[in-house]
Amino acid sequence: MPSILPHAFGGPPTTGKIKTKPEDFIVEEILGFELTGEGEHVFLKIQKRGENTDYIARQIGKYAGLSKMAVSYAGMKDRFGLTTQWFSVHIPGKRKVDWSGLESDSVQVLQAIRHNRKLKKGALQGNRFDITVRELQGDKHLIEQKMAQVKAAGVPNYFGPQRFGREGNNLVQAEALCKGELRLRDRNLEGIYLSAARSEIFNRVLARRVGADNWNQAISGDVFMFSGSHSFFRAELSQETLSRVAALDIHPSGPLWGKGEQAATAEALAIESAVATELPILSEGLERIGMETSRRPLRLLVADLDWTFCEDHTLRVRFTLPAGAYATVVLRELVDFEGSLD
């Protein structure tokens, strides 16, 4: 099972329920680049209600008379919610498709426009969230204090429980895959399981840093990243580095485990190596399978954070996150919530 993860600010001061209906969890993808209006790929902006991303991709392919391989998307979105996301469909030539026939009570096609490149995994600027928490119990003053802390300092950039599947099954399958007990022909499914393995190692490293209260501070041997960037760099533990971290300009990072030399050194490497040693099946399996090592920021900044207390013990929270970040890791610092994470 995935690790129990410590909170950054002492734990949430309230309880509540999320996703009592799809409209309580609204997500909109921010594409982050302009579409050209020409090319072999049709980009579809689709609003789905209570539907799985992969299911919609298959339906798009079936409707257009194409294989699933012709359809791509940047990332999975929660099934139980009202989500707006982009799909791309490879349709070379001048063939036109009337996408209105794809619509149903749970699917709307908001836009269709051609582009010269397919939509790749992770190719987003971020996501906007609008989340309603119902049956809120607790001190409103305390939750406003927590909101202010999160707005000013960000939150630990954990991978959310969705990454690990129902009851942590993705992690169970990842262990079987790393031990050579599971062989898959489905590369996408294999990627999901290996990502769960990397996510568990990262979360444990970050949990250790949160426990030591230095997840948002530079320590010796740290490797740093900018928000929204996949590149990382080393820097001396100087006053300038400390100041840039404190100013939220750069962030300490943790490992996405794989083959190759680990970038961290000194104290940071000692923490990361200790966690890898505790999880030898996952860490050694990822190296043997050949996953390339990478990094992820330990700190997640929460942009445009706003909140409203409504009638009937209801809280509405709105914010924007970069691609790859989880709304639930923001919410868990504010509310001890119940509700589906699918």
Protein backbone atom coordinates (compact mmCIF):
# COMPACT_ATOMS: atom_id res chain seq x y z
CA MET A 1 0.00 0.00 0.00
CA PRO A 2 1.16 3.59 -0.60
CA SER A 3 2.85 5.34 2.30
CA ILE A 4 1.02 7.49 4.85
CA LEU A 5 2.09 11.05 4.06
CA PRO A 6 2.63 13.75 6.70
CA HIS A 7 1.01 17.16 6.35
CA ALA A 8 3.04 20.32 5.98
CA PHE A 9 1.03 22.57 8.29
CA GLY A 10 -0.10 20.31 11.09
CA GLY A 11 -3.08 18.70 9.41
CA PRO A 12 -6.46 19.97 8.18
CA PRO A 13 -8.69 21.80 10.69
CA THR A 14 -11.98 20.73 9.08
CA THR A 15 -13.81 17.72 7.67
CA GLY A 16 -16.11 17.50 4.66
CA LYS A 17 -17.22 15.58 1.59
CA ILE A 18 -16.15 16.04 -2.03
CA LYS A 19 -17.63 14.72 -5.26
CA THR A 20 -21.15 14.25 -3.97
CA LYS A 21 -22.05 15.05 -7.59
CA PRO A 22 -19.91 15.62 -10.71
CA GLU A 23 -20.41 19.39 -10.64
CA ASP A 24 -18.64 19.49 -7.26
CA PHE A 25 -15.31 18.71 -8.97
CA ILE A 26 -14.75 20.91 -12.02
CA VAL A 27 -11.44 20.71 -13.93
CA GLU A 28 -10.38 22.60 -17.06
CA GLU A 29 -7.16 21.91 -18.92
CA ILE A 30 -4.95 24.86 -19.89
CA LEU A 31 -3.37 23.92 -23.19
CA GLY A 32 -0.63 26.52 -23.07
CA PHE A 33 0.01 26.86 -26.83
CA GLU A 34 -1.86 28.17 -29.85
CA LEU A 35 -3.41 25.78 -32.35
CA THR A 36 -2.48 26.49 -35.96
CA GLY A 37 -5.80 25.64 -37.62
CA GLU A 38 -4.07 23.36 -40.12
CA GLY A 39 -2.27 20.03 -40.10
CA GLU A 40 -2.97 16.30 -39.81
CA HIS A 41 -4.25 16.33 -36.22
CA VAL A 42 -7.70 17.45 -35.12
CA PHE A 43 -7.76 18.80 -31.57
CA LEU A 44 -11.07 18.25 -29.78
CA LYS A 45 -11.97 20.22 -26.67
CA ILE A 46 -14.41 17.99 -24.85
CA GLN A 47 -16.41 18.46 -21.69
CA LYS A 48 -17.21 15.14 -20.05
CA ARG A 49 -19.38 14.39 -17.05
CA GLY A 50 -18.76 11.21 -15.09
CA GLU A 51 -16.70 9.56 -17.84
CA ASN A 52 -13.22 8.01 -17.91
CA THR A 53 -10.60 9.69 -20.14
CA ASP A 54 -9.44 6.47 -21.78
CA TYR A 55 -13.05 5.46 -22.48
CA ILE A 56 -13.67 8.78 -24.25
CA ALA A 57 -10.50 8.29 -26.32
CA ARG A 58 -11.75 4.88 -27.46
CA GLN A 59 -15.16 6.33 -28.32
CA ILE A 60 -13.55 9.09 -30.38
CA GLY A 61 -11.53 6.53 -32.34
CA LYS A 62 -14.55 4.30 -32.87
CA TYR A 63 -16.71 7.21 -34.01
CA ALA A 64 -14.09 8.39 -36.51
CA GLY A 65 -13.43 4.85 -37.75
CA LEU A 66 -9.87 4.90 -36.45
CA SER A 67 -7.83 2.81 -34.05
CA LYS A 68 -7.27 3.93 -30.46
CA MET A 69 -3.64 4.65 -31.43
CA ALA A 70 -4.85 7.55 -33.59
CA VAL A 71 -6.24 9.34 -30.52
CA SER A 72 -4.05 10.95 -27.84
CA TYR A 73 -4.50 13.11 -24.76
CA ALA A 74 -2.19 14.96 -22.39
CA GLY A 75 -3.26 13.30 -19.17
CA MET A 76 -5.92 11.32 -17.34
CA LYS A 77 -8.72 13.25 -15.68
CA ASP A 78 -10.99 12.20 -12.83
CA ARG A 79 -13.94 10.12 -13.93
CA PHE A 80 -16.27 11.46 -11.27
CA GLY A 81 -16.30 15.14 -12.10
CA LEU A 82 -17.12 17.74 -14.74
CA THR A 83 -13.91 17.97 -16.74
CA THR A 84 -12.89 19.86 -19.86
CA GLN A 85 -9.91 18.38 -21.65
CA TRP A 86 -8.23 18.16 -25.03
CA PHE A 87 -7.85 15.13 -27.29
CA SER A 88 -6.04 14.97 -30.64
CA VAL A 89 -7.07 12.70 -33.52
CA HIS A 90 -4.76 11.86 -36.42
CA ILE A 91 -6.82 12.51 -39.57
CA PRO A 92 -4.47 13.19 -42.50
CA GLY A 93 -5.69 14.78 -45.70
CA LYS A 94 -8.81 16.91 -45.98
CA ARG A 95 -11.27 14.45 -44.51
CA LYS A 96 -13.88 16.22 -42.40
CA VAL A 97 -15.76 14.67 -39.50
CA ASP A 98 -19.04 15.92 -38.06
CA TRP A 99 -18.20 15.61 -34.37
CA SER A 100 -21.70 16.52 -33.19
CA GLY A 101 -22.69 12.87 -33.45
CA LEU A 102 -20.20 12.09 -30.67
CA GLU A 103 -22.20 14.13 -28.18
CA SER A 104 -24.41 12.63 -25.49
CA ASP A 105 -25.83 13.52 -22.08
CA SER A 106 -22.31 13.11 -20.65
CA VAL A 107 -20.12 14.38 -23.53
CA GLN A 108 -20.03 17.74 -25.31
CA VAL A 109 -17.67 18.75 -28.10
CA LEU A 110 -16.80 22.39 -27.39
CA GLN A 111 -14.22 22.95 -30.13
CA ALA A 112 -12.58 21.13 -33.05
CA ILE A 113 -9.51 22.65 -34.71
CA ARG A 114 -6.59 21.25 -36.70
CA HIS A 115 -2.97 21.40 -35.61
CA ASN A 116 0.31 20.23 -37.13
CA ARG A 117 1.37 18.08 -34.17
CA LYS A 118 -0.31 15.47 -32.00
CA LEU A 119 -1.08 16.11 -28.35
CA LYS A 120 1.58 14.38 -26.26
CA LYS A 121 1.49 13.15 -22.68
CA GLY A 122 2.08 15.97 -20.25
CA ALA A 123 1.91 18.65 -22.96
CA LEU A 124 -0.17 21.05 -20.88
CA GLN A 125 0.47 24.28 -19.08
CA GLY A 126 -1.76 23.18 -16.23
CA ASN A 127 -5.30 22.75 -14.91
CA ARG A 128 -7.89 25.01 -13.30
CA PHE A 129 -9.91 23.51 -10.45
CA ASP A 130 -13.22 24.52 -8.93
CA ILE A 131 -14.01 22.19 -6.02
CA THR A 132 -17.04 22.20 -3.72
CA VAL A 133 -16.72 20.67 -0.26
CA ARG A 134 -20.03 19.81 1.38
CA GLU A 135 -20.98 19.02 4.99
CA LEU A 136 -18.06 21.16 6.14
CA GLN A 137 -17.40 20.88 9.87
CA GLY A 138 -14.81 22.95 11.71
CA ASP A 139 -13.61 26.44 12.52
CA LYS A 140 -13.80 28.74 9.47
CA HIS A 141 -11.17 31.02 10.96
CA LEU A 142 -8.70 28.11 11.16
CA ILE A 143 -9.32 27.03 7.58
CA GLU A 144 -8.75 30.61 6.40
CA GLN A 145 -5.41 30.54 8.24
CA LYS A 146 -4.53 27.30 6.42
CA MET A 147 -5.57 28.83 3.11
CA ALA A 148 -3.26 31.77 3.74
CA GLN A 149 -0.37 29.39 4.55
CA VAL A 150 -0.95 27.36 1.38
CA LYS A 151 -1.27 30.51 -0.73
CA ALA A 152 1.98 31.91 0.62
CA ALA A 153 4.13 28.78 0.86
CA GLY A 154 2.65 26.11 -1.42
CA VAL A 155 2.22 22.46 -0.41
CA PRO A 156 4.32 19.28 -0.62
CA ASN A 157 4.17 18.12 -4.24
CA TYR A 158 3.07 14.56 -3.46
CA PHE A 159 1.68 12.25 -6.10
CA GLY A 160 -2.00 11.81 -5.24
CA PRO A 161 -3.61 8.49 -4.31
CA GLN A 162 -5.13 8.28 -7.81
CA ARG A 163 -1.61 7.44 -9.05
CA PHE A 164 -1.63 4.17 -7.13
CA GLY A 165 -5.02 2.84 -8.24
CA ARG A 166 -7.88 1.48 -6.21
CA GLU A 167 -6.58 0.14 -2.87
CA GLY A 168 -3.02 0.65 -4.13
CA ASN A 169 -3.36 -2.01 -6.82
CA ASN A 170 -1.04 -0.20 -9.27
CA LEU A 171 1.74 -0.44 -6.71
CA VAL A 172 1.07 -4.15 -6.17
CA GLN A 173 1.30 -4.72 -9.92
CA ALA A 174 4.44 -2.57 -10.09
CA GLU A 175 6.17 -4.83 -7.56
CA ALA A 176 5.19 -7.91 -9.59
CA LEU A 177 6.50 -6.23 -12.74
CA CYS A 178 9.79 -5.27 -11.07
CA LYS A 179 10.26 -8.83 -9.77
CA GLY A 180 9.68 -10.27 -13.25
CA GLU A 181 6.49 -12.04 -12.13
CA LEU A 182 4.28 -9.99 -14.45
CA ARG A 183 4.72 -9.57 -18.19
CA LEU A 184 2.58 -7.14 -20.14
CA ARG A 185 1.97 -6.54 -23.82
CA ASP A 186 0.09 -3.33 -23.06
CA ARG A 187 2.82 -0.64 -22.94
CA ASN A 188 0.37 1.93 -21.59
CA LEU A 189 -0.55 -0.29 -18.64
CA GLU A 190 3.11 -1.06 -18.02
CA GLY A 191 3.80 2.68 -17.94
CA ILE A 192 1.04 3.20 -15.36
CA TYR A 193 2.53 0.57 -13.05
CA LEU A 194 6.12 1.81 -13.41
CA SER A 195 4.95 5.37 -12.77
CA ALA A 196 3.32 4.16 -9.55
CA ALA A 197 6.67 2.68 -8.48
CA ARG A 198 8.54 5.93 -9.14
CA SER A 199 5.79 7.90 -7.42
CA GLU A 200 6.04 5.81 -4.25
CA ILE A 201 9.80 6.37 -4.00
CA PHE A 202 9.35 10.10 -4.60
CA ASN A 203 6.54 10.37 -2.04
CA ARG A 204 8.65 8.65 0.61
CA VAL A 205 11.57 10.98 -0.01
CA LEU A 206 9.26 13.99 0.20
CA ALA A 207 7.55 12.61 3.32
CA ARG A 208 10.95 12.37 4.99
CA ARG A 209 11.71 15.97 4.05
CA VAL A 210 8.29 17.10 5.35
CA GLY A 211 8.96 15.26 8.61
CA ALA A 212 12.28 17.08 8.90
CA ASP A 213 10.57 20.39 8.01
CA ASN A 214 12.94 21.05 5.11
CA TRP A 215 10.77 20.12 2.12
CA ASN A 216 10.64 23.81 1.17
CA GLN A 217 14.22 24.65 2.15
CA ALA A 218 17.59 23.96 0.57
CA ILE A 219 19.86 21.37 2.16
CA SER A 220 23.37 20.32 1.14
CA GLY A 221 23.48 18.40 -2.12
CA ASP A 222 20.04 19.53 -3.29
CA VAL A 223 19.13 19.70 -6.97
CA PHE A 224 16.81 22.55 -7.95
CA MET A 225 14.01 23.14 -10.44
CA PHE A 226 11.81 25.98 -11.63
CA SER A 227 8.02 25.67 -11.45
CA GLY A 228 6.61 24.09 -14.60
CA SER A 229 10.01 22.96 -15.86
CA HIS A 230 11.38 19.44 -16.39
CA SER A 231 15.03 20.52 -16.30
CA PHE A 232 17.07 20.61 -13.10
CA PHE A 233 20.39 22.02 -11.96
CA ARG A 234 22.85 21.88 -9.08
CA ALA A 235 23.76 24.98 -7.09
CA GLU A 236 26.03 25.65 -4.16
CA LEU A 237 24.34 26.02 -0.78
CA SER A 238 25.04 29.75 -0.76
CA GLN A 239 23.08 32.67 0.63
CA GLU A 240 21.92 33.42 -2.90
CA THR A 241 20.53 29.88 -3.28
CA LEU A 242 18.83 30.05 0.12
CA SER A 243 17.29 33.39 -0.81
CA ARG A 244 16.00 32.13 -4.17
CA VAL A 245 14.35 29.13 -2.49
CA ALA A 246 12.80 31.36 0.18
CA ALA A 247 11.52 33.70 -2.55
CA LEU A 248 9.80 30.73 -4.31
CA ASP A 249 11.97 31.31 -7.37
CA ILE A 250 13.44 27.79 -7.35
CA HIS A 251 12.48 24.59 -5.53
CA PRO A 252 14.38 21.61 -4.10
CA SER A 253 13.62 18.43 -6.06
CA GLY A 254 13.26 14.72 -5.43
CA PRO A 255 14.03 11.68 -7.59
CA LEU A 256 11.90 9.97 -10.19
CA TRP A 257 13.93 6.80 -9.83
CA GLY A 258 15.56 5.00 -12.73
CA LYS A 259 18.87 4.08 -14.30
CA GLY A 260 21.76 6.51 -14.39
CA GLU A 261 23.66 8.51 -11.82
CA GLN A 262 21.52 10.25 -9.22
CA ALA A 263 21.84 14.02 -9.48
CA ALA A 264 21.73 14.80 -5.75
CA THR A 265 24.78 14.69 -3.49
CA ALA A 266 25.64 15.02 0.22
CA GLU A 267 22.66 15.18 2.63
CA ALA A 268 20.00 15.15 -0.11
CA LEU A 269 21.49 12.02 -1.71
CA ALA A 270 21.72 10.30 1.67
CA ILE A 271 17.96 10.72 2.15
CA GLU A 272 17.14 9.54 -1.36
CA SER A 273 19.49 6.54 -1.17
CA ALA A 274 18.07 5.50 2.20
CA VAL A 275 14.54 5.44 0.77
CA ALA A 276 15.69 3.47 -2.30
CA THR A 277 17.36 0.95 0.01
CA GLU A 278 14.07 0.55 1.90
CA LEU A 279 12.31 -0.21 -1.40
CA PRO A 280 14.81 -2.46 -3.22
CA ILE A 281 12.22 -4.27 -5.34
CA LEU A 282 10.99 -1.00 -6.83
CA SER A 283 14.28 0.91 -7.09
CA GLU A 284 16.32 -2.00 -8.51
CA GLY A 285 13.47 -3.05 -10.77
CA LEU A 286 13.16 0.43 -12.27
CA GLU A 287 16.90 0.49 -12.95
CA ARG A 288 16.86 -2.98 -14.50
CA ILE A 289 13.83 -2.23 -16.69
CA GLY A 290 15.64 0.88 -17.91
CA MET A 291 13.51 3.81 -16.74
CA GLU A 292 15.56 6.99 -17.12
CA THR A 293 16.11 8.89 -13.88
CA SER A 294 14.50 12.32 -13.66
CA ARG A 295 13.43 14.86 -11.02
CA ARG A 296 10.27 16.49 -9.67
CA PRO A 297 9.97 19.63 -7.48
CA LEU A 298 9.31 18.91 -3.81
CA ARG A 299 7.23 22.08 -3.50
CA LEU A 300 4.01 22.84 -5.36
CA LEU A 301 2.88 26.45 -5.69
CA VAL A 302 -0.88 27.00 -5.76
CA ALA A 303 -1.80 29.83 -8.12
CA ASP A 304 -5.01 31.90 -8.06
CA LEU A 305 -6.15 30.34 -4.78
CA ASP A 306 -9.56 31.69 -3.81
CA TRP A 307 -12.32 30.42 -1.57
CA THR A 308 -15.92 31.13 -0.62
CA PHE A 309 -17.95 29.89 2.35
CA CYS A 310 -21.47 29.18 1.15
CA GLU A 311 -24.69 28.34 2.95
CA ASP A 312 -25.42 24.85 4.31
CA HIS A 313 -21.83 24.20 5.52
CA THR A 314 -20.33 24.35 2.04
CA LEU A 315 -16.88 25.54 0.96
CA ARG A 316 -15.94 26.35 -2.64
CA VAL A 317 -12.20 26.37 -3.46
CA ARG A 318 -10.67 27.53 -6.76
CA PHE A 319 -7.03 27.34 -7.85
CA THR A 320 -4.66 26.58 -10.73
CA LEU A 321 -1.91 23.96 -10.77
CA PRO A 322 0.84 23.09 -13.26
CA ALA A 323 0.56 19.88 -15.28
CA GLY A 324 1.33 16.74 -13.28
CA ALA A 325 0.16 18.17 -9.95
CA TYR A 326 -2.79 16.86 -7.95
CA ALA A 327 -5.67 18.93 -6.59
CA THR A 328 -6.18 16.42 -3.78
CA VAL A 329 -2.72 17.12 -2.31
CA VAL A 330 -3.75 20.78 -1.99
CA LEU A 331 -7.15 19.92 -0.55
CA ARG A 332 -5.73 17.48 2.03
CA GLU A 333 -3.91 20.34 3.76
CA LEU A 334 -7.24 22.15 4.19
CA VAL A 335 -9.93 19.51 4.71
CA ASP A 336 -9.99 15.93 5.92
CA PHE A 337 -12.33 14.88 3.13
CA GLU A 338 -14.39 11.88 2.13
CA GLY A 339 -15.21 11.11 -1.48
CA SER A 340 -14.25 9.11 -4.54
CA LEU A 341 -10.78 9.74 -6.00
CA ASP A 342 -11.62 8.13 -9.37
